[in-house]
Amino acid sequence: MSDKNLTLEQMDTEVIFYHLADERAYFEWLERISCVESVKGDGAKGLVVTLKKGPDEDDLRQFLALAQRYGLDMRKFAMFETEANRAWFRDPKMYWFEGVFSEEKPSD
């Protein structure tokens, strides 16, 4: 896995927090995902999440759930598809399938 695949940019784009506790929960959740090394703002790159390793199944499912809950663009997670996770990750019945594997950003 390349270094580029260990960095998630714009993890804050279009996120709406409805309370300070909501914002705190978002960042705490991100930081608790086991493959996350750091979470920091970086100007034009927005909120950048650096991973210490590729996400395992639980890590990836947490990213997907976080993205669903906070309305993140899920397409960035498609790069984590592997032979080992393809069967469940590409399941068209799962809530994330269209968001991750569609060509266009989902409309609101």
PDB file of N, CA and C in Angstrom:
ATOM      1  N   MET A   1       0.866  -1.181   0.000  1.00  0.00           N
ATOM      2  CA  MET A   1       0.000   0.000   0.000  1.00  0.00           C
ATOM      3  C   MET A   1       0.900   1.228   0.000  1.00  0.00           C
ATOM      4  N   SER A   2       0.654   2.151  -0.911  1.00  0.00           N
ATOM      5  CA  SER A   2       1.485   3.349  -1.032  1.00  0.00           C
ATOM      6  C   SER A   2       1.177   4.343   0.085  1.00  0.00           C
ATOM      7  N   ASP A   3       2.108   5.299   0.281  1.00  0.00           N
ATOM      8  CA  ASP A   3       1.893   6.342   1.287  1.00  0.00           C
ATOM      9  C   ASP A   3       0.641   7.147   0.990  1.00  0.00           C
ATOM     10  N   LYS A   4       0.344   7.344  -0.306  1.00  0.00           N
ATOM     11  CA  LYS A   4      -0.864   8.082  -0.680  1.00  0.00           C
ATOM     12  C   LYS A   4      -2.113   7.375  -0.154  1.00  0.00           C
ATOM     13  N   ASN A   5      -2.086   6.062  -0.127  1.00  0.00           N
ATOM     14  CA  ASN A   5      -3.225   5.295   0.383  1.00  0.00           C
ATOM     15  C   ASN A   5      -3.293   5.283   1.901  1.00  0.00           C
ATOM     16  N   LEU A   6      -2.333   5.904   2.540  1.00  0.00           N
ATOM     17  CA  LEU A   6      -2.339   5.983   3.992  1.00  0.00           C
ATOM     18  C   LEU A   6      -2.697   7.388   4.467  1.00  0.00           C
ATOM     19  N   THR A   7      -3.238   8.188   3.561  1.00  0.00           N
ATOM     20  CA  THR A   7      -3.654   9.548   3.895  1.00  0.00           C
ATOM     21  C   THR A   7      -5.054   9.800   3.366  1.00  0.00           C
ATOM     22  N   LEU A   8      -5.921  10.272   4.244  1.00  0.00           N
ATOM     23  CA  LEU A   8      -7.282  10.655   3.864  1.00  0.00           C
ATOM     24  C   LEU A   8      -7.394  12.162   4.022  1.00  0.00           C
ATOM     25  N   GLU A   9      -7.669  12.861   2.925  1.00  0.00           N
ATOM     26  CA  GLU A   9      -7.801  14.317   2.962  1.00  0.00           C
ATOM     27  C   GLU A   9      -9.266  14.717   2.919  1.00  0.00           C
ATOM     28  N   GLN A  10      -9.534  15.961   3.298  1.00  0.00           N
ATOM     29  CA  GLN A  10     -10.887  16.533   3.265  1.00  0.00           C
ATOM     30  C   GLN A  10     -11.865  15.728   4.116  1.00  0.00           C
ATOM     31  N   MET A  11     -11.412  15.257   5.257  1.00  0.00           N
ATOM     32  CA  MET A  11     -12.289  14.476   6.135  1.00  0.00           C
ATOM     33  C   MET A  11     -13.273  15.357   6.901  1.00  0.00           C
ATOM     34  N   ASP A  12     -13.243  16.657   6.620  1.00  0.00           N
ATOM     35  CA  ASP A  12     -14.173  17.575   7.288  1.00  0.00           C
ATOM     36  C   ASP A  12     -15.094  18.282   6.302  1.00  0.00           C
ATOM     37  N   THR A  13     -14.922  18.029   5.008  1.00  0.00           N
ATOM     38  CA  THR A  13     -15.714  18.721   3.999  1.00  0.00           C
ATOM     39  C   THR A  13     -17.197  18.426   4.174  1.00  0.00           C
ATOM     40  N   GLU A  14     -17.968  19.492   4.309  1.00  0.00           N
ATOM     41  CA  GLU A  14     -19.420  19.437   4.423  1.00  0.00           C
ATOM     42  C   GLU A  14     -19.944  18.808   5.714  1.00  0.00           C
ATOM     43  N   VAL A  15     -19.076  18.571   6.691  1.00  0.00           N
ATOM     44  CA  VAL A  15     -19.544  18.044   7.967  1.00  0.00           C
ATOM     45  C   VAL A  15     -20.234  19.166   8.730  1.00  0.00           C
ATOM     46  N   ILE A  16     -21.410  18.867   9.250  1.00  0.00           N
ATOM     47  CA  ILE A  16     -22.149  19.835  10.065  1.00  0.00           C
ATOM     48  C   ILE A  16     -22.235  19.275  11.473  1.00  0.00           C
ATOM     49  N   PHE A  17     -21.742  20.048  12.418  1.00  0.00           N
ATOM     50  CA  PHE A  17     -21.833  19.657  13.822  1.00  0.00           C
ATOM     51  C   PHE A  17     -22.957  20.457  14.441  1.00  0.00           C
ATOM     52  N   TYR A  18     -23.816  19.791  15.191  1.00  0.00           N
ATOM     53  CA  TYR A  18     -24.980  20.441  15.767  1.00  0.00           C
ATOM     54  C   TYR A  18     -24.774  20.832  17.229  1.00  0.00           C
ATOM     55  N   HIS A  19     -23.627  20.454  17.759  1.00  0.00           N
ATOM     56  CA  HIS A  19     -23.310  20.789  19.147  1.00  0.00           C
ATOM     57  C   HIS A  19     -21.818  20.556  19.329  1.00  0.00           C
ATOM     58  N   LEU A  20     -21.202  21.225  20.285  1.00  0.00           N
ATOM     59  CA  LEU A  20     -19.778  20.993  20.555  1.00  0.00           C
ATOM     60  C   LEU A  20     -19.511  19.537  20.918  1.00  0.00           C
ATOM     61  N   ALA A  21     -20.442  18.911  21.604  1.00  0.00           N
ATOM     62  CA  ALA A  21     -20.282  17.494  21.955  1.00  0.00           C
ATOM     63  C   ALA A  21     -20.288  16.619  20.704  1.00  0.00           C
ATOM     64  N   ASP A  22     -21.055  17.014  19.694  1.00  0.00           N
ATOM     65  CA  ASP A  22     -21.103  16.285  18.424  1.00  0.00           C
ATOM     66  C   ASP A  22     -19.740  16.374  17.726  1.00  0.00           C
ATOM     67  N   GLU A  23     -19.167  17.556  17.706  1.00  0.00           N
ATOM     68  CA  GLU A  23     -17.843  17.747  17.098  1.00  0.00           C
ATOM     69  C   GLU A  23     -16.794  16.931  17.853  1.00  0.00           C
ATOM     70  N   ARG A  24     -16.851  16.974  19.167  1.00  0.00           N
ATOM     71  CA  ARG A  24     -15.902  16.213  19.988  1.00  0.00           C
ATOM     72  C   ARG A  24     -16.047  14.710  19.706  1.00  0.00           C
ATOM     73  N   ALA A  25     -17.275  14.234  19.597  1.00  0.00           N
ATOM     74  CA  ALA A  25     -17.512  12.812  19.319  1.00  0.00           C
ATOM     75  C   ALA A  25     -16.911  12.406  17.974  1.00  0.00           C
ATOM     76  N   TYR A  26     -17.043  13.267  16.972  1.00  0.00           N
ATOM     77  CA  TYR A  26     -16.488  13.002  15.645  1.00  0.00           C
ATOM     78  C   TYR A  26     -14.976  12.789  15.728  1.00  0.00           C
ATOM     79  N   PHE A  27     -14.292  13.748  16.357  1.00  0.00           N
ATOM     80  CA  PHE A  27     -12.839  13.667  16.430  1.00  0.00           C
ATOM     81  C   PHE A  27     -12.373  12.527  17.325  1.00  0.00           C
ATOM     82  N   GLU A  28     -13.076  12.284  18.412  1.00  0.00           N
ATOM     83  CA  GLU A  28     -12.714  11.168  19.280  1.00  0.00           C
ATOM     84  C   GLU A  28     -12.886   9.841  18.550  1.00  0.00           C
ATOM     85  N   TRP A  29     -13.953   9.710  17.770  1.00  0.00           N
ATOM     86  CA  TRP A  29     -14.177   8.482  17.012  1.00  0.00           C
ATOM     87  C   TRP A  29     -13.052   8.276  15.999  1.00  0.00           C
ATOM     88  N   LEU A  30     -12.739   9.328  15.253  1.00  0.00           N
ATOM     89  CA  LEU A  30     -11.646   9.220  14.285  1.00  0.00           C
ATOM     90  C   LEU A  30     -10.357   8.765  14.958  1.00  0.00           C
ATOM     91  N   GLU A  31     -10.018   9.382  16.054  1.00  0.00           N
ATOM     92  CA  GLU A  31      -8.752   9.093  16.735  1.00  0.00           C
ATOM     93  C   GLU A  31      -8.733   7.706  17.375  1.00  0.00           C
ATOM     94  N   ARG A  32      -9.887   7.115  17.653  1.00  0.00           N
ATOM     95  CA  ARG A  32      -9.956   5.775  18.260  1.00  0.00           C
ATOM     96  C   ARG A  32      -9.859   4.651  17.236  1.00  0.00           C
ATOM     97  N   ILE A  33     -10.019   4.931  15.955  1.00  0.00           N
ATOM     98  CA  ILE A  33      -9.908   3.886  14.939  1.00  0.00           C
ATOM     99  C   ILE A  33      -8.455   3.401  14.956  1.00  0.00           C
ATOM    100  N   SER A  34      -8.262   2.103  15.113  1.00  0.00           N
ATOM    101  CA  SER A  34      -6.933   1.571  15.425  1.00  0.00           C
ATOM    102  C   SER A  34      -5.850   1.864  14.391  1.00  0.00           C
ATOM    103  N   CYS A  35      -6.201   2.038  13.132  1.00  0.00           N
ATOM    104  CA  CYS A  35      -5.173   2.288  12.112  1.00  0.00           C
ATOM    105  C   CYS A  35      -4.808   3.769  11.987  1.00  0.00           C
ATOM    106  N   VAL A  36      -5.497   4.654  12.706  1.00  0.00           N
ATOM    107  CA  VAL A  36      -5.249   6.092  12.601  1.00  0.00           C
ATOM    108  C   VAL A  36      -4.018   6.474  13.405  1.00  0.00           C
ATOM    109  N   GLU A  37      -3.105   7.160  12.731  1.00  0.00           N
ATOM    110  CA  GLU A  37      -1.895   7.655  13.385  1.00  0.00           C
ATOM    111  C   GLU A  37      -2.090   9.084  13.875  1.00  0.00           C
ATOM    112  N   SER A  38      -2.661   9.954  13.004  1.00  0.00           N
ATOM    113  CA  SER A  38      -2.857  11.347  13.401  1.00  0.00           C
ATOM    114  C   SER A  38      -4.037  11.956  12.666  1.00  0.00           C
ATOM    115  N   VAL A  39      -4.583  13.013  13.274  1.00  0.00           N
ATOM    116  CA  VAL A  39      -5.687  13.780  12.712  1.00  0.00           C
ATOM    117  C   VAL A  39      -5.306  15.241  12.883  1.00  0.00           C
ATOM    118  N   LYS A  40      -5.190  15.978  11.744  1.00  0.00           N
ATOM    119  CA  LYS A  40      -4.812  17.386  11.859  1.00  0.00           C
ATOM    120  C   LYS A  40      -5.287  18.173  10.647  1.00  0.00           C
ATOM    121  N   GLY A  41      -5.480  19.461  10.852  1.00  0.00           N
ATOM    122  CA  GLY A  41      -5.844  20.347   9.759  1.00  0.00           C
ATOM    123  C   GLY A  41      -4.618  20.699   8.937  1.00  0.00           C
ATOM    124  N   ASP A  42      -4.811  20.862   7.612  1.00  0.00           N
ATOM    125  CA  ASP A  42      -3.679  21.152   6.734  1.00  0.00           C
ATOM    126  C   ASP A  42      -4.119  22.043   5.573  1.00  0.00           C
ATOM    127  N   GLY A  43      -4.615  23.239   5.868  1.00  0.00           N
ATOM    128  CA  GLY A  43      -4.967  24.224   4.850  1.00  0.00           C
ATOM    129  C   GLY A  43      -5.886  23.701   3.773  1.00  0.00           C
ATOM    130  N   ALA A  44      -5.435  23.768   2.521  1.00  0.00           N
ATOM    131  CA  ALA A  44      -6.256  23.374   1.372  1.00  0.00           C
ATOM    132  C   ALA A  44      -6.620  21.886   1.394  1.00  0.00           C
ATOM    133  N   LYS A  45      -5.837  21.082   2.097  1.00  0.00           N
ATOM    134  CA  LYS A  45      -6.133  19.647   2.187  1.00  0.00           C
ATOM    135  C   LYS A  45      -7.220  19.369   3.221  1.00  0.00           C
ATOM    136  N   GLY A  46      -7.617  20.385   3.971  1.00  0.00           N
ATOM    137  CA  GLY A  46      -8.643  20.212   4.988  1.00  0.00           C
ATOM    138  C   GLY A  46      -8.159  19.354   6.127  1.00  0.00           C
ATOM    139  N   LEU A  47      -9.067  18.633   6.720  1.00  0.00           N
ATOM    140  CA  LEU A  47      -8.712  17.724   7.807  1.00  0.00           C
ATOM    141  C   LEU A  47      -8.049  16.496   7.190  1.00  0.00           C
ATOM    142  N   VAL A  48      -6.820  16.231   7.617  1.00  0.00           N
ATOM    143  CA  VAL A  48      -6.046  15.120   7.067  1.00  0.00           C
ATOM    144  C   VAL A  48      -5.897  14.048   8.140  1.00  0.00           C
ATOM    145  N   VAL A  49      -6.260  12.827   7.764  1.00  0.00           N
ATOM    146  CA  VAL A  49      -6.113  11.680   8.647  1.00  0.00           C
ATOM    147  C   VAL A  49      -4.998  10.816   8.062  1.00  0.00           C
ATOM    148  N   THR A  50      -3.937  10.635   8.843  1.00  0.00           N
ATOM    149  CA  THR A  50      -2.814   9.806   8.422  1.00  0.00           C
ATOM    150  C   THR A  50      -2.935   8.459   9.112  1.00  0.00           C
ATOM    151  N   LEU A  51      -2.787   7.408   8.319  1.00  0.00           N
ATOM    152  CA  LEU A  51      -2.914   6.043   8.850  1.00  0.00           C
ATOM    153  C   LEU A  51      -1.532   5.439   9.065  1.00  0.00           C
ATOM    154  N   LYS A  52      -1.405   4.629  10.108  1.00  0.00           N
ATOM    155  CA  LYS A  52      -0.134   3.947  10.352  1.00  0.00           C
ATOM    156  C   LYS A  52      -0.040   2.645   9.560  1.00  0.00           C
ATOM    157  N   LYS A  53      -1.205   2.173   9.097  1.00  0.00           N
ATOM    158  CA  LYS A  53      -1.291   0.950   8.284  1.00  0.00           C
ATOM    159  C   LYS A  53      -2.624   0.979   7.563  1.00  0.00           C
ATOM    160  N   GLY A  54      -2.775   0.126   6.572  1.00  0.00           N
ATOM    161  CA  GLY A  54      -4.063   0.027   5.906  1.00  0.00           C
ATOM    162  C   GLY A  54      -5.128  -0.450   6.876  1.00  0.00           C
ATOM    163  N   PRO A  55      -6.356  -0.013   6.695  1.00  0.00           N
ATOM    164  CA  PRO A  55      -7.414  -0.395   7.626  1.00  0.00           C
ATOM    165  C   PRO A  55      -7.778  -1.873   7.512  1.00  0.00           C
ATOM    166  N   ASP A  56      -7.981  -2.514   8.664  1.00  0.00           N
ATOM    167  CA  ASP A  56      -8.511  -3.877   8.647  1.00  0.00           C
ATOM    168  C   ASP A  56     -10.030  -3.774   8.508  1.00  0.00           C
ATOM    169  N   GLU A  57     -10.734  -4.886   8.560  1.00  0.00           N
ATOM    170  CA  GLU A  57     -12.179  -4.867   8.332  1.00  0.00           C
ATOM    171  C   GLU A  57     -12.901  -3.965   9.333  1.00  0.00           C
ATOM    172  N   ASP A  58     -12.570  -4.078  10.617  1.00  0.00           N
ATOM    173  CA  ASP A  58     -13.252  -3.247  11.607  1.00  0.00           C
ATOM    174  C   ASP A  58     -12.949  -1.763  11.390  1.00  0.00           C
ATOM    175  N   ASP A  59     -11.692  -1.434  11.095  1.00  0.00           N
ATOM    176  CA  ASP A  59     -11.323  -0.035  10.835  1.00  0.00           C
ATOM    177  C   ASP A  59     -12.132   0.517   9.654  1.00  0.00           C
ATOM    178  N   LEU A  60     -12.180  -0.245   8.569  1.00  0.00           N
ATOM    179  CA  LEU A  60     -12.887   0.209   7.377  1.00  0.00           C
ATOM    180  C   LEU A  60     -14.381   0.359   7.651  1.00  0.00           C
ATOM    181  N   ARG A  61     -14.954  -0.572   8.380  1.00  0.00           N
ATOM    182  CA  ARG A  61     -16.372  -0.455   8.733  1.00  0.00           C
ATOM    183  C   ARG A  61     -16.621   0.770   9.609  1.00  0.00           C
ATOM    184  N   GLN A  62     -15.671   1.105  10.479  1.00  0.00           N
ATOM    185  CA  GLN A  62     -15.814   2.310  11.296  1.00  0.00           C
ATOM    186  C   GLN A  62     -15.742   3.567  10.425  1.00  0.00           C
ATOM    187  N   PHE A  63     -14.804   3.611   9.474  1.00  0.00           N
ATOM    188  CA  PHE A  63     -14.740   4.757   8.559  1.00  0.00           C
ATOM    189  C   PHE A  63     -16.049   4.912   7.790  1.00  0.00           C
ATOM    190  N   LEU A  64     -16.591   3.804   7.319  1.00  0.00           N
ATOM    191  CA  LEU A  64     -17.846   3.841   6.564  1.00  0.00           C
ATOM    192  C   LEU A  64     -18.997   4.337   7.428  1.00  0.00           C
ATOM    193  N   ALA A  65     -19.072   3.858   8.656  1.00  0.00           N
ATOM    194  CA  ALA A  65     -20.135   4.294   9.569  1.00  0.00           C
ATOM    195  C   ALA A  65     -19.982   5.774   9.911  1.00  0.00           C
ATOM    196  N   LEU A  66     -18.764   6.207  10.168  1.00  0.00           N
ATOM    197  CA  LEU A  66     -18.495   7.620  10.468  1.00  0.00           C
ATOM    198  C   LEU A  66     -18.891   8.490   9.275  1.00  0.00           C
ATOM    199  N   ALA A  67     -18.508   8.048   8.086  1.00  0.00           N
ATOM    200  CA  ALA A  67     -18.831   8.796   6.872  1.00  0.00           C
ATOM    201  C   ALA A  67     -20.336   8.873   6.657  1.00  0.00           C
ATOM    202  N   GLN A  68     -21.039   7.794   6.898  1.00  0.00           N
ATOM    203  CA  GLN A  68     -22.499   7.782   6.752  1.00  0.00           C
ATOM    204  C   GLN A  68     -23.139   8.736   7.751  1.00  0.00           C
ATOM    205  N   ARG A  69     -22.725   8.648   9.000  1.00  0.00           N
ATOM    206  CA  ARG A  69     -23.319   9.473  10.054  1.00  0.00           C
ATOM    207  C   ARG A  69     -23.074  10.962   9.819  1.00  0.00           C
ATOM    208  N   TYR A  70     -21.877  11.326   9.346  1.00  0.00           N
ATOM    209  CA  TYR A  70     -21.520  12.739   9.214  1.00  0.00           C
ATOM    210  C   TYR A  70     -21.566  13.251   7.774  1.00  0.00           C
ATOM    211  N   GLY A  71     -22.060  12.442   6.853  1.00  0.00           N
ATOM    212  CA  GLY A  71     -22.263  12.901   5.482  1.00  0.00           C
ATOM    213  C   GLY A  71     -20.994  13.130   4.683  1.00  0.00           C
ATOM    214  N   LEU A  72     -19.950  12.363   4.960  1.00  0.00           N
ATOM    215  CA  LEU A  72     -18.702  12.494   4.205  1.00  0.00           C
ATOM    216  C   LEU A  72     -18.830  11.848   2.833  1.00  0.00           C
ATOM    217  N   ASP A  73     -18.036  12.315   1.897  1.00  0.00           N
ATOM    218  CA  ASP A  73     -17.940  11.685   0.585  1.00  0.00           C
ATOM    219  C   ASP A  73     -17.240  10.345   0.787  1.00  0.00           C
ATOM    220  N   MET A  74     -17.944   9.269   0.520  1.00  0.00           N
ATOM    221  CA  MET A  74     -17.411   7.930   0.784  1.00  0.00           C
ATOM    222  C   MET A  74     -16.484   7.409  -0.304  1.00  0.00           C
ATOM    223  N   ARG A  75     -16.432   8.075  -1.447  1.00  0.00           N
ATOM    224  CA  ARG A  75     -15.614   7.563  -2.549  1.00  0.00           C
ATOM    225  C   ARG A  75     -14.146   7.404  -2.170  1.00  0.00           C
ATOM    226  N   LYS A  76     -13.672   8.201  -1.210  1.00  0.00           N
ATOM    227  CA  LYS A  76     -12.265   8.124  -0.804  1.00  0.00           C
ATOM    228  C   LYS A  76     -11.915   6.758  -0.211  1.00  0.00           C
ATOM    229  N   PHE A  77     -12.912   6.001   0.242  1.00  0.00           N
ATOM    230  CA  PHE A  77     -12.628   4.715   0.872  1.00  0.00           C
ATOM    231  C   PHE A  77     -12.494   3.575  -0.137  1.00  0.00           C
ATOM    232  N   ALA A  78     -12.837   3.811  -1.387  1.00  0.00           N
ATOM    233  CA  ALA A  78     -12.722   2.774  -2.424  1.00  0.00           C
ATOM    234  C   ALA A  78     -11.279   2.287  -2.565  1.00  0.00           C
ATOM    235  N   MET A  79     -10.309   3.147  -2.274  1.00  0.00           N
ATOM    236  CA  MET A  79      -8.902   2.755  -2.418  1.00  0.00           C
ATOM    237  C   MET A  79      -8.500   1.634  -1.454  1.00  0.00           C
ATOM    238  N   PHE A  80      -9.336   1.363  -0.465  1.00  0.00           N
ATOM    239  CA  PHE A  80      -9.017   0.326   0.509  1.00  0.00           C
ATOM    240  C   PHE A  80      -9.570  -1.043   0.119  1.00  0.00           C
ATOM    241  N   GLU A  81     -10.139  -1.153  -1.069  1.00  0.00           N
ATOM    242  CA  GLU A  81     -10.629  -2.452  -1.542  1.00  0.00           C
ATOM    243  C   GLU A  81      -9.439  -3.383  -1.775  1.00  0.00           C
ATOM    244  N   THR A  82      -9.553  -4.602  -1.284  1.00  0.00           N
ATOM    245  CA  THR A  82      -8.525  -5.624  -1.481  1.00  0.00           C
ATOM    246  C   THR A  82      -9.201  -6.941  -1.860  1.00  0.00           C
ATOM    247  N   GLU A  83      -8.395  -7.884  -2.247  1.00  0.00           N
ATOM    248  CA  GLU A  83      -8.929  -9.231  -2.519  1.00  0.00           C
ATOM    249  C   GLU A  83      -9.624  -9.778  -1.268  1.00  0.00           C
ATOM    250  N   ALA A  84      -9.017  -9.520  -0.111  1.00  0.00           N
ATOM    251  CA  ALA A  84      -9.531 -10.076   1.138  1.00  0.00           C
ATOM    252  C   ALA A  84     -10.876  -9.482   1.546  1.00  0.00           C
ATOM    253  N   ASN A  85     -11.147  -8.212   1.219  1.00  0.00           N
ATOM    254  CA  ASN A  85     -12.404  -7.601   1.671  1.00  0.00           C
ATOM    255  C   ASN A  85     -13.437  -7.402   0.562  1.00  0.00           C
ATOM    256  N   ARG A  86     -13.081  -7.738  -0.662  1.00  0.00           N
ATOM    257  CA  ARG A  86     -13.954  -7.469  -1.806  1.00  0.00           C
ATOM    258  C   ARG A  86     -15.356  -8.050  -1.648  1.00  0.00           C
ATOM    259  N   ALA A  87     -15.477  -9.260  -1.133  1.00  0.00           N
ATOM    260  CA  ALA A  87     -16.787  -9.925  -1.038  1.00  0.00           C
ATOM    261  C   ALA A  87     -17.771  -9.114  -0.201  1.00  0.00           C
ATOM    262  N   TRP A  88     -17.375  -8.629   0.949  1.00  0.00           N
ATOM    263  CA  TRP A  88     -18.299  -7.847   1.780  1.00  0.00           C
ATOM    264  C   TRP A  88     -18.300  -6.372   1.415  1.00  0.00           C
ATOM    265  N   PHE A  89     -17.143  -5.826   1.016  1.00  0.00           N
ATOM    266  CA  PHE A  89     -17.040  -4.392   0.732  1.00  0.00           C
ATOM    267  C   PHE A  89     -17.826  -4.013  -0.526  1.00  0.00           C
ATOM    268  N   ARG A  90     -17.843  -4.873  -1.513  1.00  0.00           N
ATOM    269  CA  ARG A  90     -18.563  -4.589  -2.771  1.00  0.00           C
ATOM    270  C   ARG A  90     -19.976  -5.160  -2.795  1.00  0.00           C
ATOM    271  N   ASP A  91     -20.510  -5.525  -1.675  1.00  0.00           N
ATOM    272  CA  ASP A  91     -21.868  -6.058  -1.609  1.00  0.00           C
ATOM    273  C   ASP A  91     -22.857  -4.938  -1.941  1.00  0.00           C
ATOM    274  N   PRO A  92     -23.560  -5.028  -3.072  1.00  0.00           N
ATOM    275  CA  PRO A  92     -24.450  -3.943  -3.491  1.00  0.00           C
ATOM    276  C   PRO A  92     -25.641  -3.712  -2.561  1.00  0.00           C
ATOM    277  N   LYS A  93     -25.880  -4.618  -1.627  1.00  0.00           N
ATOM    278  CA  LYS A  93     -26.994  -4.440  -0.681  1.00  0.00           C
ATOM    279  C   LYS A  93     -26.602  -3.599   0.533  1.00  0.00           C
ATOM    280  N   MET A  94     -25.314  -3.327   0.688  1.00  0.00           N
ATOM    281  CA  MET A  94     -24.848  -2.597   1.869  1.00  0.00           C
ATOM    282  C   MET A  94     -25.057  -1.090   1.692  1.00  0.00           C
ATOM    283  N   TYR A  95     -25.303  -0.397   2.788  1.00  0.00           N
ATOM    284  CA  TYR A  95     -25.635   1.029   2.757  1.00  0.00           C
ATOM    285  C   TYR A  95     -24.540   1.878   2.125  1.00  0.00           C
ATOM    286  N   TRP A  96     -23.311   1.450   2.157  1.00  0.00           N
ATOM    287  CA  TRP A  96     -22.202   2.257   1.657  1.00  0.00           C
ATOM    288  C   TRP A  96     -21.905   2.029   0.174  1.00  0.00           C
ATOM    289  N   PHE A  97     -22.440   0.958  -0.414  1.00  0.00           N
ATOM    290  CA  PHE A  97     -22.013   0.553  -1.756  1.00  0.00           C
ATOM    291  C   PHE A  97     -22.073   1.694  -2.769  1.00  0.00           C
ATOM    292  N   GLU A  98     -23.222   2.310  -2.918  1.00  0.00           N
ATOM    293  CA  GLU A  98     -23.365   3.368  -3.916  1.00  0.00           C
ATOM    294  C   GLU A  98     -22.460   4.559  -3.597  1.00  0.00           C
ATOM    295  N   GLY A  99     -22.374   4.920  -2.343  1.00  0.00           N
ATOM    296  CA  GLY A  99     -21.544   6.053  -1.944  1.00  0.00           C
ATOM    297  C   GLY A  99     -20.066   5.830  -2.198  1.00  0.00           C
ATOM    298  N   VAL A 100     -19.598   4.612  -2.009  1.00  0.00           N
ATOM    299  CA  VAL A 100     -18.178   4.310  -2.187  1.00  0.00           C
ATOM    300  C   VAL A 100     -17.836   4.090  -3.650  1.00  0.00           C
ATOM    301  N   PHE A 101     -18.681   3.368  -4.370  1.00  0.00           N
ATOM    302  CA  PHE A 101     -18.307   2.920  -5.702  1.00  0.00           C
ATOM    303  C   PHE A 101     -18.981   3.653  -6.848  1.00  0.00           C
ATOM    304  N   SER A 102     -19.764   4.703  -6.548  1.00  0.00           N
ATOM    305  CA  SER A 102     -20.363   5.483  -7.627  1.00  0.00           C
ATOM    306  C   SER A 102     -19.342   6.450  -8.189  1.00  0.00           C
ATOM    307  N   GLU A 103     -19.540   6.873  -9.419  1.00  0.00           N
ATOM    308  CA  GLU A 103     -18.625   7.802 -10.084  1.00  0.00           C
ATOM    309  C   GLU A 103     -18.862   9.244  -9.659  1.00  0.00           C
ATOM    310  N   GLU A 104     -20.095   9.581  -9.357  1.00  0.00           N
ATOM    311  CA  GLU A 104     -20.442  10.955  -8.998  1.00  0.00           C
ATOM    312  C   GLU A 104     -20.702  11.046  -7.514  1.00  0.00           C
ATOM    313  N   LYS A 105     -20.466  12.235  -6.980  1.00  0.00           N
ATOM    314  CA  LYS A 105     -20.759  12.469  -5.568  1.00  0.00           C
ATOM    315  C   LYS A 105     -22.263  12.363  -5.363  1.00  0.00           C
ATOM    316  N   PRO A 106     -22.686  11.596  -4.342  1.00  0.00           N
ATOM    317  CA  PRO A 106     -24.126  11.469  -4.078  1.00  0.00           C
ATOM    318  C   PRO A 106     -24.751  12.837  -3.806  1.00  0.00           C
ATOM    319  N   SER A 107     -25.981  13.040  -4.294  1.00  0.00           N
ATOM    320  CA  SER A 107     -26.666  14.314  -4.037  1.00  0.00           C
ATOM    321  C   SER A 107     -27.352  14.260  -2.692  1.00  0.00           C
ATOM    322  N   ASP A 108     -27.582  15.429  -2.119  1.00  0.00           N
ATOM    323  CA  ASP A 108     -28.221  15.507  -0.788  1.00  0.00           C
ATOM    324  C   ASP A 108     -29.699  15.307  -0.882  1.00  0.00           C
TER     325      ASP A 108
END
